[in-house]
Amino acid sequence: MNRNTLHLSKRTLLPDFLVQGQRRKKMAKASLALLVISMVGVMQSANAESWARRLEAEKETVTNLQFYFHDIVSGKNPTAIKVAQPSVGNRSPTLFGSIMMADDPLTEGPDPNSKPVGRAQGIYGSAGQNELALIMAMSFDFTDGIYNGSCISLLGKNPAMNPVREMPIVGGTGLFRFARGYAIAQTYWLDVTTGDAIVGYNVTVAH
């Protein structure tokens, strides 16, 4: 081996403690870089979510409700009144275009004097030219027990002459926040002369 070769070998061979020291410096620099990147990510995340929070949802509750809806359009104290009607020339047998505003009592049983549990407030209108199909936008506001102050919202088609109708529940408040489900309606009593009706509602909602 000549001197040049020996000289190069001595230059390339370093003591162990120097090699380990350089490794530690490199690892420290890498750790510092990762820490900086992580802190920037956290700061960006905090800024992006400063106006919103993600909440873990608890297990859902399913509630079934059974009550009766009293829609009175006749007499001196009707609970539903007509607020719009089609032109004079429209003689639709389905009352197409007529709109009613309602504030109907809800009771525990079909008897009008049974225990009150709430009010059905909203509008319904005749949207069918060939059938009596009501579009209903109603808020069922409850006043009894733990449900006092809570409500569910119904929005959908009610083919009123069908013996059984199903309509969607699209929301709620109070104990029924985030409610979704369905309502099954069945006519309990109908006066075909006046249009007064008592309708049973069986409602199932997840919330």
N, C-alpha and C. Protein backbone atom coordinates (compact mmCIF):
# COMPACT_ATOMS: atom_id res chain seq x y z
N MET A 1 0.87 -1.20 0.00
CA MET A 1 0.00 0.00 0.00
C MET A 1 0.89 1.24 0.00
N ASN A 2 0.67 2.20 -0.91
CA ASN A 2 1.52 3.38 -0.96
C ASN A 2 1.04 4.44 0.01
N ARG A 3 1.79 5.52 0.12
CA ARG A 3 1.46 6.56 1.10
C ARG A 3 0.16 7.27 0.78
N ASN A 4 -0.02 7.49 -0.52
CA ASN A 4 -1.27 8.18 -0.89
C ASN A 4 -2.50 7.39 -0.46
N THR A 5 -2.43 6.09 -0.68
CA THR A 5 -3.56 5.25 -0.29
C THR A 5 -3.76 5.27 1.21
N LEU A 6 -2.68 5.18 1.96
CA LEU A 6 -2.75 5.21 3.41
C LEU A 6 -3.28 6.54 3.91
N HIS A 7 -2.82 7.61 3.26
CA HIS A 7 -3.27 8.95 3.66
C HIS A 7 -4.78 9.10 3.46
N LEU A 8 -5.32 8.59 2.33
CA LEU A 8 -6.75 8.68 2.08
C LEU A 8 -7.56 7.87 3.08
N SER A 9 -7.05 6.71 3.45
CA SER A 9 -7.75 5.86 4.40
C SER A 9 -7.85 6.53 5.75
N LYS A 10 -6.79 7.19 6.17
CA LYS A 10 -6.83 7.87 7.47
C LYS A 10 -7.84 9.01 7.47
N ARG A 11 -7.98 9.64 6.30
CA ARG A 11 -8.94 10.74 6.25
C ARG A 11 -10.39 10.25 6.29
N THR A 12 -10.65 9.07 5.73
CA THR A 12 -12.03 8.58 5.68
C THR A 12 -12.47 7.86 6.93
N LEU A 13 -11.54 7.41 7.74
CA LEU A 13 -11.88 6.71 8.98
C LEU A 13 -11.96 7.71 10.11
N LEU A 14 -13.17 7.77 10.78
CA LEU A 14 -13.37 8.70 11.90
C LEU A 14 -13.59 7.91 13.18
N PRO A 15 -13.22 8.48 14.29
CA PRO A 15 -13.47 7.81 15.57
C PRO A 15 -14.98 7.61 15.78
N ASP A 16 -15.33 6.57 16.55
CA ASP A 16 -16.74 6.24 16.79
C ASP A 16 -17.51 7.38 17.43
N PHE A 17 -16.87 8.07 18.38
CA PHE A 17 -17.62 9.11 19.09
C PHE A 17 -17.99 10.27 18.16
N LEU A 18 -17.15 10.53 17.11
CA LEU A 18 -17.49 11.57 16.14
C LEU A 18 -18.63 11.14 15.24
N VAL A 19 -18.63 9.87 14.84
CA VAL A 19 -19.70 9.35 14.00
C VAL A 19 -21.04 9.39 14.74
N GLN A 20 -21.03 8.94 15.98
CA GLN A 20 -22.26 8.95 16.77
C GLN A 20 -22.76 10.37 17.01
N GLY A 21 -21.84 11.30 17.21
CA GLY A 21 -22.22 12.69 17.41
C GLY A 21 -22.92 13.27 16.19
N GLN A 22 -22.37 12.95 15.01
CA GLN A 22 -23.01 13.44 13.78
C GLN A 22 -24.39 12.84 13.60
N ARG A 23 -24.53 11.56 13.92
CA ARG A 23 -25.84 10.90 13.82
C ARG A 23 -26.85 11.56 14.75
N ARG A 24 -26.39 11.88 15.97
CA ARG A 24 -27.31 12.53 16.92
C ARG A 24 -27.76 13.89 16.40
N LYS A 25 -26.83 14.64 15.79
CA LYS A 25 -27.19 15.94 15.25
C LYS A 25 -28.24 15.82 14.14
N LYS A 26 -28.02 14.81 13.25
CA LYS A 26 -28.98 14.61 12.16
C LYS A 26 -30.35 14.22 12.71
N MET A 27 -30.37 13.34 13.71
CA MET A 27 -31.64 12.92 14.30
C MET A 27 -32.33 14.10 14.99
N ALA A 28 -31.55 14.94 15.65
CA ALA A 28 -32.12 16.11 16.32
C ALA A 28 -32.74 17.06 15.32
N LYS A 29 -32.03 17.28 14.19
CA LYS A 29 -32.57 18.16 13.16
C LYS A 29 -33.86 17.60 12.58
N ALA A 30 -33.89 16.28 12.33
CA ALA A 30 -35.10 15.65 11.78
C ALA A 30 -36.26 15.75 12.76
N SER A 31 -35.98 15.55 14.06
CA SER A 31 -37.03 15.65 15.07
C SER A 31 -37.58 17.07 15.15
N LEU A 32 -36.67 18.05 15.08
CA LEU A 32 -37.09 19.44 15.13
C LEU A 32 -37.98 19.78 13.93
N ALA A 33 -37.58 19.28 12.75
CA ALA A 33 -38.39 19.54 11.54
C ALA A 33 -39.78 18.94 11.67
N LEU A 34 -39.87 17.71 12.19
CA LEU A 34 -41.18 17.07 12.38
C LEU A 34 -42.03 17.84 13.38
N LEU A 35 -41.38 18.35 14.45
CA LEU A 35 -42.11 19.12 15.45
C LEU A 35 -42.69 20.40 14.86
N VAL A 36 -41.89 21.08 14.05
CA VAL A 36 -42.35 22.32 13.42
C VAL A 36 -43.53 22.05 12.49
N ILE A 37 -43.40 20.97 11.69
CA ILE A 37 -44.49 20.62 10.77
C ILE A 37 -45.76 20.30 11.53
N SER A 38 -45.62 19.55 12.63
CA SER A 38 -46.79 19.19 13.44
C SER A 38 -47.45 20.41 14.04
N MET A 39 -46.64 21.36 14.55
CA MET A 39 -47.20 22.57 15.15
C MET A 39 -47.93 23.41 14.12
N VAL A 40 -47.39 23.50 12.91
CA VAL A 40 -48.05 24.25 11.84
C VAL A 40 -49.39 23.60 11.50
N GLY A 41 -49.40 22.25 11.44
CA GLY A 41 -50.64 21.54 11.14
C GLY A 41 -51.70 21.78 12.20
N VAL A 42 -51.29 21.75 13.48
CA VAL A 42 -52.23 21.98 14.57
C VAL A 42 -52.78 23.40 14.52
N MET A 43 -51.90 24.38 14.25
CA MET A 43 -52.33 25.77 14.17
C MET A 43 -53.32 25.97 13.03
N GLN A 44 -53.03 25.34 11.87
CA GLN A 44 -53.96 25.45 10.74
C GLN A 44 -55.29 24.82 11.07
N SER A 45 -55.24 23.64 11.74
CA SER A 45 -56.47 22.95 12.11
C SER A 45 -57.29 23.79 13.08
N ALA A 46 -56.61 24.40 14.05
CA ALA A 46 -57.30 25.23 15.04
C ALA A 46 -57.97 26.43 14.37
N ASN A 47 -57.24 27.04 13.40
CA ASN A 47 -57.81 28.19 12.71
C ASN A 47 -59.01 27.79 11.87
N ALA A 48 -58.94 26.61 11.22
CA ALA A 48 -60.03 26.16 10.36
C ALA A 48 -61.28 25.81 11.15
N GLU A 49 -61.10 25.41 12.42
CA GLU A 49 -62.24 24.96 13.22
C GLU A 49 -62.59 25.93 14.34
N SER A 50 -62.11 27.15 14.23
CA SER A 50 -62.38 28.11 15.30
C SER A 50 -63.86 28.47 15.38
N TRP A 51 -64.61 28.24 14.30
CA TRP A 51 -66.03 28.59 14.28
C TRP A 51 -66.94 27.37 14.34
N ALA A 52 -66.37 26.16 14.45
CA ALA A 52 -67.19 24.95 14.44
C ALA A 52 -66.55 23.88 15.31
N ARG A 53 -67.39 23.03 15.87
CA ARG A 53 -66.93 21.91 16.68
C ARG A 53 -67.60 20.64 16.23
N ARG A 54 -66.84 19.55 16.22
CA ARG A 54 -67.40 18.24 15.94
C ARG A 54 -67.79 17.58 17.26
N LEU A 55 -69.03 17.11 17.35
CA LEU A 55 -69.53 16.48 18.56
C LEU A 55 -69.79 15.00 18.29
N GLU A 56 -69.40 14.17 19.23
CA GLU A 56 -69.66 12.75 19.09
C GLU A 56 -71.13 12.47 19.36
N ALA A 57 -71.80 11.81 18.42
CA ALA A 57 -73.23 11.53 18.57
C ALA A 57 -73.44 10.37 19.54
N GLU A 58 -74.43 10.52 20.40
CA GLU A 58 -74.79 9.44 21.30
C GLU A 58 -75.72 8.47 20.59
N LYS A 59 -75.98 7.35 21.21
CA LYS A 59 -76.87 6.36 20.63
C LYS A 59 -78.26 6.95 20.44
N GLU A 60 -78.89 6.67 19.28
CA GLU A 60 -80.19 7.23 18.97
C GLU A 60 -81.31 6.62 19.81
N THR A 61 -82.35 7.43 19.99
CA THR A 61 -83.57 6.97 20.65
C THR A 61 -84.67 6.87 19.60
N VAL A 62 -85.47 5.86 19.69
CA VAL A 62 -86.65 5.73 18.82
C VAL A 62 -87.89 5.86 19.68
N THR A 63 -88.78 6.80 19.31
CA THR A 63 -89.99 7.08 20.08
C THR A 63 -91.21 6.84 19.21
N ASN A 64 -92.21 6.20 19.79
CA ASN A 64 -93.49 6.00 19.10
C ASN A 64 -94.57 6.82 19.80
N LEU A 65 -95.33 7.57 19.03
CA LEU A 65 -96.38 8.45 19.56
C LEU A 65 -97.72 8.07 18.94
N GLN A 66 -98.76 8.07 19.75
CA GLN A 66 -100.11 7.81 19.27
C GLN A 66 -101.02 8.91 19.79
N PHE A 67 -101.65 9.66 18.86
CA PHE A 67 -102.54 10.74 19.27
C PHE A 67 -103.58 10.96 18.18
N TYR A 68 -104.53 11.87 18.48
CA TYR A 68 -105.62 12.14 17.54
C TYR A 68 -105.65 13.62 17.19
N PHE A 69 -105.91 13.87 15.93
CA PHE A 69 -105.86 15.19 15.31
C PHE A 69 -107.30 15.60 15.00
N HIS A 70 -107.74 16.75 15.55
CA HIS A 70 -109.13 17.19 15.39
C HIS A 70 -109.16 18.42 14.47
N ASP A 71 -109.63 18.21 13.24
CA ASP A 71 -109.66 19.27 12.24
C ASP A 71 -111.11 19.72 12.06
N ILE A 72 -111.43 20.89 12.60
CA ILE A 72 -112.80 21.40 12.59
C ILE A 72 -112.85 22.63 11.68
N VAL A 73 -113.61 22.51 10.58
CA VAL A 73 -113.69 23.61 9.61
C VAL A 73 -115.06 24.30 9.63
N SER A 74 -115.98 23.77 10.44
CA SER A 74 -117.33 24.34 10.49
C SER A 74 -117.59 24.99 11.85
N GLY A 75 -118.77 25.62 11.96
CA GLY A 75 -119.17 26.19 13.24
C GLY A 75 -118.60 27.57 13.50
N LYS A 76 -118.85 28.04 14.74
CA LYS A 76 -118.42 29.38 15.11
C LYS A 76 -116.95 29.47 15.52
N ASN A 77 -116.36 28.34 15.85
CA ASN A 77 -114.97 28.37 16.31
C ASN A 77 -114.15 27.29 15.59
N PRO A 78 -113.97 27.44 14.27
CA PRO A 78 -113.21 26.43 13.53
C PRO A 78 -111.74 26.45 13.92
N THR A 79 -111.11 25.30 13.83
CA THR A 79 -109.67 25.20 14.12
C THR A 79 -108.85 25.25 12.84
N ALA A 80 -109.51 25.23 11.68
CA ALA A 80 -108.84 25.37 10.39
C ALA A 80 -109.69 26.27 9.50
N ILE A 81 -109.07 27.28 8.88
CA ILE A 81 -109.80 28.22 8.04
C ILE A 81 -109.12 28.33 6.67
N LYS A 82 -109.93 28.63 5.68
CA LYS A 82 -109.41 28.77 4.31
C LYS A 82 -108.74 30.14 4.17
N VAL A 83 -107.51 30.15 3.69
CA VAL A 83 -106.77 31.41 3.52
C VAL A 83 -106.51 31.71 2.05
N ALA A 84 -106.75 30.74 1.16
CA ALA A 84 -106.61 30.98 -0.28
C ALA A 84 -107.49 29.99 -1.01
N GLN A 85 -108.00 30.42 -2.16
CA GLN A 85 -108.84 29.54 -2.96
C GLN A 85 -108.63 29.86 -4.44
N PRO A 86 -108.96 28.91 -5.32
CA PRO A 86 -108.77 29.16 -6.75
C PRO A 86 -109.77 30.19 -7.28
N SER A 87 -109.60 30.57 -8.53
CA SER A 87 -110.47 31.56 -9.14
C SER A 87 -111.93 31.05 -9.18
N VAL A 88 -112.84 32.00 -9.40
CA VAL A 88 -114.27 31.67 -9.39
C VAL A 88 -114.59 30.61 -10.45
N GLY A 89 -113.88 30.65 -11.58
CA GLY A 89 -114.17 29.73 -12.66
C GLY A 89 -113.69 28.31 -12.42
N ASN A 90 -112.93 28.10 -11.34
CA ASN A 90 -112.39 26.77 -11.05
C ASN A 90 -113.40 26.00 -10.19
N ARG A 91 -113.98 24.95 -10.75
CA ARG A 91 -114.96 24.16 -10.02
C ARG A 91 -114.44 22.74 -9.80
N SER A 92 -113.22 22.64 -9.38
CA SER A 92 -112.58 21.34 -9.20
C SER A 92 -113.28 20.53 -8.10
N PRO A 93 -113.61 19.28 -8.38
CA PRO A 93 -114.23 18.44 -7.35
C PRO A 93 -113.27 18.10 -6.21
N THR A 94 -111.97 18.30 -6.42
CA THR A 94 -110.98 18.01 -5.38
C THR A 94 -110.56 19.27 -4.62
N LEU A 95 -111.24 20.40 -4.92
CA LEU A 95 -110.89 21.69 -4.30
C LEU A 95 -109.45 22.09 -4.61
N PHE A 96 -108.98 21.70 -5.80
CA PHE A 96 -107.60 21.97 -6.20
C PHE A 96 -107.27 23.46 -6.08
N GLY A 97 -106.19 23.76 -5.38
CA GLY A 97 -105.75 25.14 -5.19
C GLY A 97 -106.16 25.77 -3.89
N SER A 98 -107.05 25.14 -3.15
CA SER A 98 -107.49 25.69 -1.86
C SER A 98 -106.42 25.45 -0.79
N ILE A 99 -106.20 26.43 0.08
CA ILE A 99 -105.19 26.33 1.14
C ILE A 99 -105.83 26.67 2.47
N MET A 100 -105.55 25.84 3.46
CA MET A 100 -106.10 26.01 4.80
C MET A 100 -104.97 26.29 5.81
N MET A 101 -105.27 27.15 6.78
CA MET A 101 -104.37 27.37 7.92
C MET A 101 -105.01 26.73 9.14
N ALA A 102 -104.21 25.91 9.85
CA ALA A 102 -104.78 25.12 10.94
C ALA A 102 -104.06 25.35 12.26
N ASP A 103 -104.85 25.28 13.32
CA ASP A 103 -104.35 25.22 14.69
C ASP A 103 -105.22 24.19 15.41
N ASP A 104 -104.98 22.92 15.09
CA ASP A 104 -105.86 21.83 15.52
C ASP A 104 -105.39 21.22 16.83
N PRO A 105 -106.33 20.92 17.73
CA PRO A 105 -105.95 20.24 18.98
C PRO A 105 -105.54 18.80 18.73
N LEU A 106 -104.58 18.34 19.52
CA LEU A 106 -104.16 16.94 19.53
C LEU A 106 -104.55 16.36 20.88
N THR A 107 -105.18 15.20 20.87
CA THR A 107 -105.62 14.59 22.13
C THR A 107 -105.12 13.15 22.22
N GLU A 108 -105.14 12.65 23.43
CA GLU A 108 -104.67 11.28 23.68
C GLU A 108 -105.60 10.24 23.06
N GLY A 109 -106.89 10.51 23.07
CA GLY A 109 -107.88 9.59 22.52
C GLY A 109 -108.72 10.27 21.46
N PRO A 110 -109.62 9.53 20.80
CA PRO A 110 -110.43 10.12 19.74
C PRO A 110 -111.53 11.07 20.24
N ASP A 111 -111.90 10.95 21.49
CA ASP A 111 -112.91 11.85 22.05
C ASP A 111 -112.33 13.26 22.14
N PRO A 112 -113.03 14.27 21.60
CA PRO A 112 -112.52 15.64 21.69
C PRO A 112 -112.26 16.12 23.11
N ASN A 113 -112.94 15.51 24.08
CA ASN A 113 -112.75 15.89 25.48
C ASN A 113 -111.68 15.08 26.20
N SER A 114 -110.99 14.20 25.47
CA SER A 114 -109.92 13.42 26.10
C SER A 114 -108.71 14.31 26.37
N LYS A 115 -107.75 13.76 27.05
CA LYS A 115 -106.60 14.53 27.51
C LYS A 115 -105.87 15.22 26.36
N PRO A 116 -105.70 16.55 26.42
CA PRO A 116 -104.94 17.24 25.37
C PRO A 116 -103.44 16.97 25.50
N VAL A 117 -102.79 16.75 24.37
CA VAL A 117 -101.34 16.50 24.39
C VAL A 117 -100.57 17.50 23.54
N GLY A 118 -101.29 18.36 22.78
CA GLY A 118 -100.57 19.34 21.97
C GLY A 118 -101.46 19.99 20.94
N ARG A 119 -100.80 20.68 19.98
CA ARG A 119 -101.51 21.36 18.89
C ARG A 119 -100.79 21.03 17.57
N ALA A 120 -101.59 20.93 16.50
CA ALA A 120 -101.04 20.79 15.15
C ALA A 120 -101.21 22.12 14.44
N GLN A 121 -100.10 22.80 14.19
CA GLN A 121 -100.15 24.14 13.61
C GLN A 121 -99.43 24.15 12.27
N GLY A 122 -100.07 24.73 11.26
CA GLY A 122 -99.45 24.79 9.95
C GLY A 122 -100.47 24.97 8.85
N ILE A 123 -100.09 24.56 7.64
CA ILE A 123 -100.97 24.72 6.49
C ILE A 123 -101.10 23.40 5.75
N TYR A 124 -102.24 23.27 5.07
CA TYR A 124 -102.40 22.17 4.13
C TYR A 124 -103.23 22.67 2.96
N GLY A 125 -102.92 22.16 1.79
CA GLY A 125 -103.61 22.60 0.59
C GLY A 125 -103.88 21.46 -0.35
N SER A 126 -104.90 21.61 -1.16
CA SER A 126 -105.27 20.58 -2.13
C SER A 126 -104.37 20.70 -3.36
N ALA A 127 -103.56 19.67 -3.60
CA ALA A 127 -102.59 19.71 -4.70
C ALA A 127 -102.91 18.69 -5.78
N GLY A 128 -104.06 18.01 -5.68
CA GLY A 128 -104.42 17.00 -6.67
C GLY A 128 -105.58 17.43 -7.54
N GLN A 129 -105.42 17.28 -8.84
CA GLN A 129 -106.52 17.60 -9.74
C GLN A 129 -107.49 16.43 -9.90
N ASN A 130 -106.97 15.22 -9.74
CA ASN A 130 -107.81 14.03 -9.96
C ASN A 130 -108.06 13.24 -8.69
N GLU A 131 -107.48 13.66 -7.59
CA GLU A 131 -107.69 13.00 -6.30
C GLU A 131 -107.59 14.04 -5.20
N LEU A 132 -108.18 13.76 -4.05
CA LEU A 132 -108.06 14.66 -2.91
C LEU A 132 -106.72 14.39 -2.24
N ALA A 133 -105.70 15.08 -2.72
CA ALA A 133 -104.33 14.90 -2.21
C ALA A 133 -103.90 16.21 -1.56
N LEU A 134 -103.70 16.16 -0.27
CA LEU A 134 -103.30 17.35 0.48
C LEU A 134 -101.79 17.37 0.65
N ILE A 135 -101.19 18.53 0.41
CA ILE A 135 -99.79 18.74 0.78
C ILE A 135 -99.80 19.39 2.15
N MET A 136 -99.17 18.71 3.12
CA MET A 136 -99.22 19.18 4.51
C MET A 136 -97.85 19.65 4.98
N ALA A 137 -97.83 20.81 5.61
CA ALA A 137 -96.63 21.33 6.29
C ALA A 137 -97.08 21.69 7.70
N MET A 138 -96.87 20.76 8.62
CA MET A 138 -97.43 20.89 9.96
C MET A 138 -96.36 20.72 11.03
N SER A 139 -96.53 21.47 12.10
CA SER A 139 -95.70 21.31 13.30
C SER A 139 -96.59 20.76 14.41
N PHE A 140 -96.25 19.58 14.89
CA PHE A 140 -96.98 18.99 16.02
C PHE A 140 -96.27 19.43 17.30
N ASP A 141 -96.87 20.41 17.98
CA ASP A 141 -96.26 20.98 19.19
C ASP A 141 -96.89 20.32 20.41
N PHE A 142 -96.06 19.65 21.20
CA PHE A 142 -96.59 18.88 22.33
C PHE A 142 -96.55 19.70 23.62
N THR A 143 -97.53 19.43 24.48
CA THR A 143 -97.67 20.21 25.71
C THR A 143 -97.76 19.32 26.95
N ASP A 144 -97.63 18.02 26.78
CA ASP A 144 -97.85 17.10 27.89
C ASP A 144 -96.55 16.47 28.37
N GLY A 145 -96.41 16.39 29.70
CA GLY A 145 -95.31 15.65 30.32
C GLY A 145 -93.94 16.12 29.88
N ILE A 146 -93.02 15.15 29.71
CA ILE A 146 -91.64 15.50 29.37
C ILE A 146 -91.53 16.08 27.96
N TYR A 147 -92.57 15.91 27.13
CA TYR A 147 -92.53 16.40 25.76
C TYR A 147 -93.05 17.83 25.64
N ASN A 148 -93.44 18.43 26.74
CA ASN A 148 -93.91 19.81 26.74
C ASN A 148 -92.82 20.74 26.18
N GLY A 149 -93.16 21.45 25.12
CA GLY A 149 -92.19 22.35 24.50
C GLY A 149 -91.42 21.74 23.34
N SER A 150 -91.59 20.45 23.11
CA SER A 150 -90.93 19.79 21.99
C SER A 150 -91.90 19.65 20.83
N CYS A 151 -91.36 19.55 19.62
CA CYS A 151 -92.25 19.40 18.46
C CYS A 151 -91.60 18.52 17.40
N ILE A 152 -92.44 18.00 16.51
CA ILE A 152 -91.97 17.30 15.32
C ILE A 152 -92.60 17.95 14.10
N SER A 153 -91.89 17.91 12.98
CA SER A 153 -92.35 18.57 11.76
C SER A 153 -92.69 17.53 10.70
N LEU A 154 -93.89 17.68 10.13
CA LEU A 154 -94.36 16.79 9.07
C LEU A 154 -94.45 17.58 7.77
N LEU A 155 -93.93 17.00 6.70
CA LEU A 155 -94.00 17.64 5.39
C LEU A 155 -94.17 16.56 4.33
N GLY A 156 -95.33 16.55 3.66
CA GLY A 156 -95.53 15.53 2.65
C GLY A 156 -96.95 15.47 2.14
N LYS A 157 -97.19 14.50 1.26
CA LYS A 157 -98.49 14.32 0.63
C LYS A 157 -99.39 13.45 1.49
N ASN A 158 -100.64 13.90 1.63
CA ASN A 158 -101.65 13.15 2.38
C ASN A 158 -102.83 12.85 1.45
N PRO A 159 -102.87 11.66 0.87
CA PRO A 159 -104.03 11.28 0.03
C PRO A 159 -105.22 10.99 0.93
N ALA A 160 -105.97 12.03 1.24
CA ALA A 160 -106.91 12.02 2.36
C ALA A 160 -107.99 10.96 2.28
N MET A 161 -108.34 10.49 1.08
CA MET A 161 -109.40 9.51 0.97
C MET A 161 -108.91 8.07 1.13
N ASN A 162 -107.62 7.87 1.18
CA ASN A 162 -107.09 6.53 1.42
C ASN A 162 -107.31 6.14 2.88
N PRO A 163 -107.63 4.89 3.15
CA PRO A 163 -107.86 4.50 4.55
C PRO A 163 -106.61 4.63 5.42
N VAL A 164 -105.43 4.40 4.84
CA VAL A 164 -104.17 4.52 5.58
C VAL A 164 -103.20 5.34 4.73
N ARG A 165 -102.59 6.35 5.36
CA ARG A 165 -101.64 7.21 4.66
C ARG A 165 -100.33 7.27 5.43
N GLU A 166 -99.23 7.34 4.71
CA GLU A 166 -97.92 7.47 5.34
C GLU A 166 -97.27 8.76 4.87
N MET A 167 -96.74 9.52 5.85
CA MET A 167 -96.10 10.81 5.55
C MET A 167 -94.79 10.93 6.31
N PRO A 168 -93.83 11.68 5.76
CA PRO A 168 -92.52 11.77 6.40
C PRO A 168 -92.46 12.79 7.54
N ILE A 169 -91.70 12.44 8.56
CA ILE A 169 -91.31 13.39 9.61
C ILE A 169 -89.91 13.87 9.27
N VAL A 170 -89.74 15.17 9.13
CA VAL A 170 -88.48 15.70 8.58
C VAL A 170 -87.64 16.47 9.60
N GLY A 171 -88.13 16.61 10.83
CA GLY A 171 -87.32 17.33 11.81
C GLY A 171 -88.05 17.47 13.13
N GLY A 172 -87.42 18.18 14.05
CA GLY A 172 -88.03 18.38 15.36
C GLY A 172 -87.20 19.30 16.21
N THR A 173 -87.75 19.64 17.38
CA THR A 173 -87.04 20.48 18.35
C THR A 173 -87.16 19.86 19.73
N GLY A 174 -86.41 20.43 20.68
CA GLY A 174 -86.47 19.92 22.06
C GLY A 174 -85.98 18.50 22.14
N LEU A 175 -86.76 17.62 22.75
CA LEU A 175 -86.39 16.21 22.85
C LEU A 175 -86.34 15.53 21.49
N PHE A 176 -86.92 16.17 20.48
CA PHE A 176 -86.97 15.57 19.15
C PHE A 176 -86.00 16.24 18.17
N ARG A 177 -84.94 16.84 18.67
CA ARG A 177 -83.94 17.41 17.76
C ARG A 177 -83.38 16.33 16.84
N PHE A 178 -83.16 16.69 15.60
CA PHE A 178 -82.66 15.78 14.56
C PHE A 178 -83.65 14.66 14.24
N ALA A 179 -84.92 14.85 14.59
CA ALA A 179 -85.91 13.78 14.38
C ALA A 179 -86.09 13.48 12.89
N ARG A 180 -86.28 12.22 12.60
CA ARG A 180 -86.65 11.77 11.27
C ARG A 180 -87.45 10.48 11.43
N GLY A 181 -88.44 10.31 10.59
CA GLY A 181 -89.27 9.13 10.73
C GLY A 181 -90.48 9.21 9.84
N TYR A 182 -91.58 8.63 10.32
CA TYR A 182 -92.79 8.59 9.49
C TYR A 182 -94.03 8.62 10.38
N ALA A 183 -95.12 9.09 9.78
CA ALA A 183 -96.42 9.14 10.46
C ALA A 183 -97.42 8.32 9.66
N ILE A 184 -98.14 7.48 10.35
CA ILE A 184 -99.24 6.72 9.75
C ILE A 184 -100.55 7.36 10.20
N ALA A 185 -101.35 7.82 9.23
CA ALA A 185 -102.61 8.49 9.54
C ALA A 185 -103.79 7.63 9.09
N GLN A 186 -104.80 7.55 9.95
CA GLN A 186 -106.03 6.83 9.63
C GLN A 186 -107.21 7.67 10.11
N THR A 187 -108.16 7.90 9.21
CA THR A 187 -109.34 8.69 9.57
C THR A 187 -110.22 7.91 10.54
N TYR A 188 -110.46 8.50 11.70
CA TYR A 188 -111.32 7.88 12.71
C TYR A 188 -112.78 8.27 12.49
N TRP A 189 -113.01 9.53 12.11
CA TRP A 189 -114.37 10.03 11.91
C TRP A 189 -114.33 11.16 10.89
N LEU A 190 -115.31 11.22 9.99
CA LEU A 190 -115.39 12.27 8.98
C LEU A 190 -116.84 12.64 8.74
N ASP A 191 -117.13 13.94 8.80
CA ASP A 191 -118.43 14.46 8.43
C ASP A 191 -118.33 14.94 6.99
N VAL A 192 -118.90 14.19 6.06
CA VAL A 192 -118.73 14.52 4.64
C VAL A 192 -119.47 15.81 4.27
N THR A 193 -120.41 16.23 5.10
CA THR A 193 -121.16 17.46 4.82
C THR A 193 -120.33 18.70 5.17
N THR A 194 -119.74 18.70 6.34
CA THR A 194 -118.98 19.87 6.79
C THR A 194 -117.48 19.78 6.50
N GLY A 195 -116.97 18.57 6.41
CA GLY A 195 -115.52 18.38 6.24
C GLY A 195 -114.78 18.23 7.55
N ASP A 196 -115.49 18.30 8.68
CA ASP A 196 -114.84 18.09 9.98
C ASP A 196 -114.33 16.65 10.06
N ALA A 197 -113.17 16.49 10.71
CA ALA A 197 -112.58 15.14 10.76
C ALA A 197 -111.77 14.95 12.03
N ILE A 198 -111.72 13.69 12.46
CA ILE A 198 -110.82 13.26 13.53
C ILE A 198 -109.92 12.18 12.93
N VAL A 199 -108.63 12.42 13.02
CA VAL A 199 -107.66 11.51 12.38
C VAL A 199 -106.69 10.99 13.43
N GLY A 200 -106.52 9.68 13.45
CA GLY A 200 -105.53 9.07 14.35
C GLY A 200 -104.15 9.09 13.71
N TYR A 201 -103.15 9.44 14.50
CA TYR A 201 -101.76 9.48 14.03
C TYR A 201 -100.92 8.54 14.88
N ASN A 202 -100.18 7.67 14.22
CA ASN A 202 -99.17 6.84 14.87
C ASN A 202 -97.83 7.23 14.27
N VAL A 203 -96.99 7.81 15.09
CA VAL A 203 -95.74 8.42 14.60
C VAL A 203 -94.55 7.69 15.21
N THR A 204 -93.58 7.34 14.40
CA THR A 204 -92.34 6.74 14.85
C THR A 204 -91.18 7.61 14.40
N VAL A 205 -90.35 8.05 15.36
CA VAL A 205 -89.23 8.93 15.02
C VAL A 205 -87.96 8.44 15.70
N ALA A 206 -86.86 8.60 14.99
CA ALA A 206 -85.53 8.40 15.57
C ALA A 206 -84.94 9.78 15.83
N HIS A 207 -84.31 9.95 16.99
CA HIS A 207 -83.79 11.27 17.36
C HIS A 207 -82.66 11.11 18.37
